Amino acid sequence: MTFHPKPPARHDASKAIPAPATPSTPSRPLPKDHGKGQLPNPGKRS
């Protein structure tokens, strides 16, 4: 019974990821910039 609700739950996640991925494209670079900025920051200090 656990297998039944598990497969459908994953399907929902897959559909939810591609849907917001399109509109999130412009929002994704924002959070990615933060992570990239922090990586080189400590690296340059070292």
Foldseek 3Di string as FASTA:
>chain_A
DVVVVVVVVVVVVVVVCVVVCVVCVVVVVVVVVVVVVVVVVVVVVD
